Amino acid sequence: MRIAMAVMTVLFVLSSASAINFALKGRWWTAGGVFLPSVGLVAILFGGVERQNTPLFWLGCLLVVAGFGAEAADHWRTRTPAKGQKAR
């Protein structure tokens, strides 16, 4: 289990650094789309699965879904043309 904890810790630290980088650039939806699923995954695996804590498991699932929603919002904001503009 120590290897899994080490891998999850490294994944969490790297995703946090990436989210901070996006936030500093002003890309808040992308930062949320990167950070929320990683926090949710940590909550699911360490709290929900390892410690058998059902509310923490569902909170992690909610965070992952919120992260996917933030990623979809970022995609919608950056990939669709604004009103009055022609799509290329």
N, C-alpha and C. Protein backbone atom coordinates (compact mmCIF):
# COMPACT_ATOMS: atom_id res chain seq x y z
N MET A 1 0.82 -1.19 0.00
CA MET A 1 0.00 0.00 0.00
C MET A 1 0.87 1.26 0.00
N ARG A 2 2.09 1.15 0.48
CA ARG A 2 2.97 2.32 0.52
C ARG A 2 3.31 2.82 -0.88
N ILE A 3 3.44 1.89 -1.83
CA ILE A 3 3.74 2.29 -3.19
C ILE A 3 2.56 3.05 -3.79
N ALA A 4 1.36 2.57 -3.53
CA ALA A 4 0.17 3.25 -4.04
C ALA A 4 0.04 4.65 -3.43
N MET A 5 0.34 4.77 -2.14
CA MET A 5 0.28 6.08 -1.50
C MET A 5 1.33 7.02 -2.08
N ALA A 6 2.51 6.51 -2.36
CA ALA A 6 3.57 7.34 -2.93
C ALA A 6 3.20 7.79 -4.34
N VAL A 7 2.64 6.89 -5.13
CA VAL A 7 2.23 7.25 -6.49
C VAL A 7 1.12 8.30 -6.46
N MET A 8 0.14 8.12 -5.58
CA MET A 8 -0.96 9.09 -5.47
C MET A 8 -0.46 10.44 -4.97
N THR A 9 0.49 10.43 -4.06
CA THR A 9 1.05 11.68 -3.57
C THR A 9 1.78 12.43 -4.67
N VAL A 10 2.57 11.71 -5.46
CA VAL A 10 3.27 12.34 -6.58
C VAL A 10 2.28 12.87 -7.60
N LEU A 11 1.24 12.09 -7.91
CA LEU A 11 0.22 12.53 -8.85
C LEU A 11 -0.48 13.79 -8.34
N PHE A 12 -0.80 13.82 -7.06
CA PHE A 12 -1.47 14.97 -6.47
C PHE A 12 -0.58 16.21 -6.51
N VAL A 13 0.69 16.05 -6.19
CA VAL A 13 1.62 17.20 -6.19
C VAL A 13 1.80 17.74 -7.61
N LEU A 14 1.96 16.85 -8.58
CA LEU A 14 2.13 17.30 -9.97
C LEU A 14 0.87 17.97 -10.51
N SER A 15 -0.29 17.42 -10.20
CA SER A 15 -1.52 18.06 -10.68
C SER A 15 -1.77 19.39 -9.98
N SER A 16 -1.39 19.49 -8.72
CA SER A 16 -1.51 20.77 -8.01
C SER A 16 -0.60 21.82 -8.63
N ALA A 17 0.61 21.43 -8.97
CA ALA A 17 1.52 22.37 -9.61
C ALA A 17 1.00 22.80 -10.98
N SER A 18 0.44 21.88 -11.72
CA SER A 18 -0.13 22.21 -13.01
C SER A 18 -1.33 23.14 -12.86
N ALA A 19 -2.18 22.87 -11.87
CA ALA A 19 -3.35 23.73 -11.64
C ALA A 19 -2.93 25.13 -11.23
N ILE A 20 -1.90 25.24 -10.41
CA ILE A 20 -1.40 26.56 -10.01
C ILE A 20 -0.86 27.30 -11.23
N ASN A 21 -0.17 26.60 -12.11
CA ASN A 21 0.35 27.21 -13.32
C ASN A 21 -0.78 27.75 -14.19
N PHE A 22 -1.83 26.97 -14.37
CA PHE A 22 -2.98 27.43 -15.15
C PHE A 22 -3.68 28.60 -14.48
N ALA A 23 -3.79 28.56 -13.15
CA ALA A 23 -4.45 29.64 -12.43
C ALA A 23 -3.66 30.94 -12.55
N LEU A 24 -2.35 30.86 -12.51
CA LEU A 24 -1.54 32.06 -12.67
C LEU A 24 -1.68 32.67 -14.06
N LYS A 25 -1.99 31.85 -15.04
CA LYS A 25 -2.21 32.35 -16.40
C LYS A 25 -3.64 32.87 -16.58
N GLY A 26 -4.48 32.71 -15.57
CA GLY A 26 -5.86 33.17 -15.65
C GLY A 26 -6.82 32.17 -16.26
N ARG A 27 -6.39 30.95 -16.42
CA ARG A 27 -7.24 29.90 -16.99
C ARG A 27 -7.85 29.09 -15.85
N TRP A 28 -8.86 29.67 -15.19
CA TRP A 28 -9.43 29.10 -13.99
C TRP A 28 -10.19 27.81 -14.24
N TRP A 29 -10.92 27.73 -15.36
CA TRP A 29 -11.66 26.51 -15.64
C TRP A 29 -10.71 25.34 -15.88
N THR A 30 -9.61 25.59 -16.55
CA THR A 30 -8.63 24.53 -16.77
C THR A 30 -7.99 24.11 -15.46
N ALA A 31 -7.72 25.09 -14.60
CA ALA A 31 -7.14 24.77 -13.29
C ALA A 31 -8.10 23.89 -12.49
N GLY A 32 -9.37 24.22 -12.52
CA GLY A 32 -10.37 23.39 -11.83
C GLY A 32 -10.49 22.02 -12.44
N GLY A 33 -10.40 21.96 -13.78
CA GLY A 33 -10.47 20.68 -14.45
C GLY A 33 -9.29 19.77 -14.18
N VAL A 34 -8.16 20.36 -13.81
CA VAL A 34 -6.98 19.57 -13.47
C VAL A 34 -6.98 19.20 -11.99
N PHE A 35 -7.33 20.16 -11.14
CA PHE A 35 -7.17 19.98 -9.71
C PHE A 35 -8.30 19.15 -9.07
N LEU A 36 -9.54 19.40 -9.44
CA LEU A 36 -10.66 18.71 -8.79
C LEU A 36 -10.64 17.19 -8.96
N PRO A 37 -10.40 16.66 -10.17
CA PRO A 37 -10.35 15.20 -10.26
C PRO A 37 -9.22 14.57 -9.45
N SER A 38 -8.08 15.26 -9.34
CA SER A 38 -6.98 14.67 -8.56
C SER A 38 -7.33 14.66 -7.07
N VAL A 39 -7.97 15.71 -6.58
CA VAL A 39 -8.41 15.71 -5.17
C VAL A 39 -9.48 14.65 -4.96
N GLY A 40 -10.38 14.52 -5.93
CA GLY A 40 -11.42 13.50 -5.82
C GLY A 40 -10.86 12.09 -5.83
N LEU A 41 -9.85 11.87 -6.65
CA LEU A 41 -9.24 10.54 -6.70
C LEU A 41 -8.54 10.20 -5.39
N VAL A 42 -7.89 11.18 -4.80
CA VAL A 42 -7.26 10.95 -3.49
C VAL A 42 -8.34 10.64 -2.45
N ALA A 43 -9.44 11.38 -2.47
CA ALA A 43 -10.53 11.12 -1.51
C ALA A 43 -11.15 9.76 -1.73
N ILE A 44 -11.31 9.37 -2.98
CA ILE A 44 -11.90 8.06 -3.27
C ILE A 44 -10.99 6.94 -2.79
N LEU A 45 -9.72 7.00 -3.17
CA LEU A 45 -8.83 5.88 -2.87
C LEU A 45 -8.42 5.81 -1.40
N PHE A 46 -8.02 6.93 -0.84
CA PHE A 46 -7.52 6.88 0.53
C PHE A 46 -8.62 6.92 1.57
N GLY A 47 -9.63 7.72 1.35
CA GLY A 47 -10.70 7.82 2.34
C GLY A 47 -11.77 6.79 2.16
N GLY A 48 -12.24 6.65 0.92
CA GLY A 48 -13.37 5.77 0.67
C GLY A 48 -13.01 4.31 0.59
N VAL A 49 -11.94 3.99 -0.11
CA VAL A 49 -11.60 2.58 -0.33
C VAL A 49 -10.75 2.03 0.81
N GLU A 50 -9.70 2.75 1.17
CA GLU A 50 -8.79 2.23 2.19
C GLU A 50 -9.42 2.24 3.58
N ARG A 51 -10.08 3.35 3.93
CA ARG A 51 -10.63 3.48 5.29
C ARG A 51 -12.10 3.11 5.37
N GLN A 52 -12.70 2.68 4.28
CA GLN A 52 -14.11 2.27 4.23
C GLN A 52 -15.05 3.38 4.72
N ASN A 53 -14.77 4.61 4.30
CA ASN A 53 -15.58 5.76 4.68
C ASN A 53 -16.47 6.13 3.49
N THR A 54 -17.74 5.74 3.56
CA THR A 54 -18.65 5.94 2.44
C THR A 54 -18.87 7.40 2.08
N PRO A 55 -19.10 8.31 3.05
CA PRO A 55 -19.30 9.72 2.66
C PRO A 55 -18.08 10.31 1.96
N LEU A 56 -16.89 9.93 2.38
CA LEU A 56 -15.68 10.43 1.73
C LEU A 56 -15.55 9.88 0.32
N PHE A 57 -15.98 8.65 0.13
CA PHE A 57 -15.98 8.06 -1.21
C PHE A 57 -16.89 8.85 -2.15
N TRP A 58 -18.10 9.15 -1.68
CA TRP A 58 -19.04 9.87 -2.53
C TRP A 58 -18.62 11.33 -2.72
N LEU A 59 -17.98 11.92 -1.72
CA LEU A 59 -17.43 13.26 -1.90
C LEU A 59 -16.36 13.26 -2.99
N GLY A 60 -15.51 12.25 -2.99
CA GLY A 60 -14.50 12.13 -4.03
C GLY A 60 -15.12 11.97 -5.40
N CYS A 61 -16.19 11.16 -5.49
CA CYS A 61 -16.88 11.01 -6.77
C CYS A 61 -17.47 12.33 -7.23
N LEU A 62 -18.02 13.10 -6.30
CA LEU A 62 -18.58 14.41 -6.63
C LEU A 62 -17.49 15.36 -7.13
N LEU A 63 -16.33 15.33 -6.51
CA LEU A 63 -15.22 16.17 -6.95
C LEU A 63 -14.73 15.80 -8.34
N VAL A 64 -14.69 14.52 -8.63
CA VAL A 64 -14.27 14.07 -9.97
C VAL A 64 -15.27 14.54 -11.01
N VAL A 65 -16.56 14.41 -10.72
CA VAL A 65 -17.59 14.87 -11.66
C VAL A 65 -17.53 16.38 -11.83
N ALA A 66 -17.29 17.12 -10.74
CA ALA A 66 -17.15 18.57 -10.83
C ALA A 66 -15.93 18.95 -11.67
N GLY A 67 -14.86 18.19 -11.56
CA GLY A 67 -13.68 18.44 -12.39
C GLY A 67 -13.96 18.21 -13.86
N PHE A 68 -14.72 17.16 -14.17
CA PHE A 68 -15.09 16.93 -15.56
C PHE A 68 -16.01 18.04 -16.07
N GLY A 69 -16.86 18.55 -15.19
CA GLY A 69 -17.71 19.68 -15.57
C GLY A 69 -16.89 20.92 -15.84
N ALA A 70 -15.88 21.17 -15.02
CA ALA A 70 -15.00 22.32 -15.25
C ALA A 70 -14.22 22.15 -16.55
N GLU A 71 -13.82 20.94 -16.85
CA GLU A 71 -13.12 20.69 -18.11
C GLU A 71 -14.05 20.92 -19.30
N ALA A 72 -15.31 20.51 -19.16
CA ALA A 72 -16.28 20.74 -20.23
C ALA A 72 -16.55 22.24 -20.40
N ALA A 73 -16.64 22.98 -19.30
CA ALA A 73 -16.85 24.42 -19.37
C ALA A 73 -15.65 25.11 -20.04
N ASP A 74 -14.46 24.65 -19.71
CA ASP A 74 -13.27 25.20 -20.36
C ASP A 74 -13.29 24.92 -21.85
N HIS A 75 -13.65 23.70 -22.22
CA HIS A 75 -13.73 23.34 -23.63
C HIS A 75 -14.77 24.21 -24.33
N TRP A 76 -15.92 24.40 -23.71
CA TRP A 76 -16.98 25.20 -24.30
C TRP A 76 -16.55 26.65 -24.46
N ARG A 77 -15.86 27.19 -23.47
CA ARG A 77 -15.45 28.60 -23.53
C ARG A 77 -14.35 28.85 -24.55
N THR A 78 -13.44 27.92 -24.70
CA THR A 78 -12.28 28.16 -25.57
C THR A 78 -12.45 27.63 -26.99
N ARG A 79 -13.34 26.69 -27.20
CA ARG A 79 -13.45 26.05 -28.51
C ARG A 79 -14.63 26.53 -29.33
N THR A 80 -15.59 27.21 -28.73
CA THR A 80 -16.74 27.67 -29.48
C THR A 80 -16.58 29.16 -29.77
N PRO A 81 -17.01 29.58 -30.95
CA PRO A 81 -16.87 31.00 -31.28
C PRO A 81 -17.86 31.85 -30.48
N ALA A 82 -17.47 33.07 -30.20
CA ALA A 82 -18.34 33.98 -29.49
C ALA A 82 -19.47 34.43 -30.43
N LYS A 83 -20.52 34.99 -29.86
CA LYS A 83 -21.64 35.44 -30.67
C LYS A 83 -21.17 36.54 -31.61
N GLY A 84 -21.60 36.45 -32.86
CA GLY A 84 -21.22 37.44 -33.83
C GLY A 84 -19.94 37.12 -34.59
N GLN A 85 -19.25 36.07 -34.21
CA GLN A 85 -18.02 35.68 -34.92
C GLN A 85 -18.33 34.48 -35.80
N LYS A 86 -17.63 34.43 -36.91
CA LYS A 86 -17.79 33.28 -37.80
C LYS A 86 -16.83 32.18 -37.37
N ALA A 87 -17.28 30.97 -37.46
CA ALA A 87 -16.40 29.82 -37.20
C ALA A 87 -15.56 29.57 -38.44
N ARG A 88 -14.32 29.24 -38.22
CA ARG A 88 -13.45 28.96 -39.37
C ARG A 88 -13.61 27.56 -39.84
